[in-house]
């Protein structure tokens, strides 16, 4: 069940981001970052169960995660 929850969160990582824009205003601090494919890693932070947070990132070109 946990893996399905993580997959559903990662599917929404790029939603709302300015793909290909190195000054994306929706990214968390320190992002976007360059990917070796030439794309950019965009990132979101999601609240986790309890008091923590989880950072998700994804390349806007190849779909890789850091």
Protein backbone atom coordinates (compact mmCIF):
# COMPACT_ATOMS: atom_id res chain seq x y z
CA UNK A 1 0.00 0.00 0.00
CA UNK A 2 2.85 2.42 0.83
CA UNK A 3 4.42 1.96 -2.63
CA UNK A 4 1.10 2.70 -4.35
CA UNK A 5 0.79 5.90 -2.31
CA UNK A 6 4.31 6.98 -3.29
CA UNK A 7 3.62 6.22 -6.98
CA UNK A 8 0.47 8.38 -6.92
CA UNK A 9 2.41 11.28 -5.37
CA UNK A 10 5.28 11.06 -7.85
CA UNK A 11 2.85 11.12 -10.78
CA UNK A 12 1.93 14.70 -9.81
CA UNK A 13 5.48 16.06 -9.38
CA UNK A 14 5.61 18.01 -12.63
CA UNK A 15 2.02 19.29 -12.52
CA UNK A 16 2.03 23.08 -12.38
CA UNK A 17 5.79 23.42 -12.95
CA UNK A 18 7.29 25.47 -15.79
CA UNK A 19 8.90 22.66 -17.75
CA UNK A 20 12.20 23.61 -19.35
CA UNK A 21 12.35 26.81 -17.28
CA UNK A 22 15.41 27.05 -15.02
CA UNK A 23 13.60 29.69 -12.93
CA UNK A 24 10.45 27.64 -12.22
CA UNK A 25 8.53 29.43 -9.48
CA UNK A 26 6.80 26.25 -8.26
CA UNK A 27 10.02 24.40 -7.35
CA UNK A 28 11.33 24.17 -3.83
CA UNK A 29 14.58 25.96 -2.94
CA UNK A 30 17.58 24.58 -4.80
CA UNK A 31 15.55 23.44 -7.81
CA UNK A 32 15.30 23.09 -10.73
CA UNK A 33 18.61 21.30 -11.11
CA UNK A 34 20.17 20.11 -14.37
CA UNK A 35 19.84 16.47 -15.38
CA UNK A 36 22.50 14.71 -17.45
CA UNK A 37 19.96 14.23 -20.26
CA UNK A 38 19.72 18.01 -20.71
CA UNK A 39 16.40 18.40 -18.89
CA UNK A 40 15.72 19.85 -15.45
CA UNK A 41 14.81 18.20 -12.17
CA UNK A 42 11.77 19.89 -10.63
CA UNK A 43 10.80 19.23 -7.00
CA UNK A 44 7.83 19.32 -4.62
CA UNK A 45 7.61 18.72 -0.91
CA UNK A 46 4.68 16.68 0.41
CA UNK A 47 3.61 16.35 4.04
CA UNK A 48 4.17 12.83 5.31
CA UNK A 49 2.28 11.01 8.02
CA UNK A 50 3.24 12.40 11.40
CA UNK A 51 5.47 15.46 11.56
CA UNK A 52 7.69 14.86 8.54
CA UNK A 53 7.93 15.86 4.92
CA UNK A 54 9.04 14.02 1.78
CA UNK A 55 10.72 15.67 -1.20
CA UNK A 56 9.89 14.30 -4.64
CA UNK A 57 11.73 15.29 -7.80
CA UNK A 58 11.58 14.35 -11.46
CA UNK A 59 13.33 15.37 -14.67
CA UNK A 60 11.05 17.18 -17.10
CA UNK A 61 12.72 15.50 -20.08
CA UNK A 62 13.65 11.89 -19.26
CA UNK A 63 11.51 11.33 -16.13
CA UNK A 64 14.47 10.31 -13.94
CA UNK A 65 14.52 10.92 -10.18
CA UNK A 66 17.60 11.98 -8.18
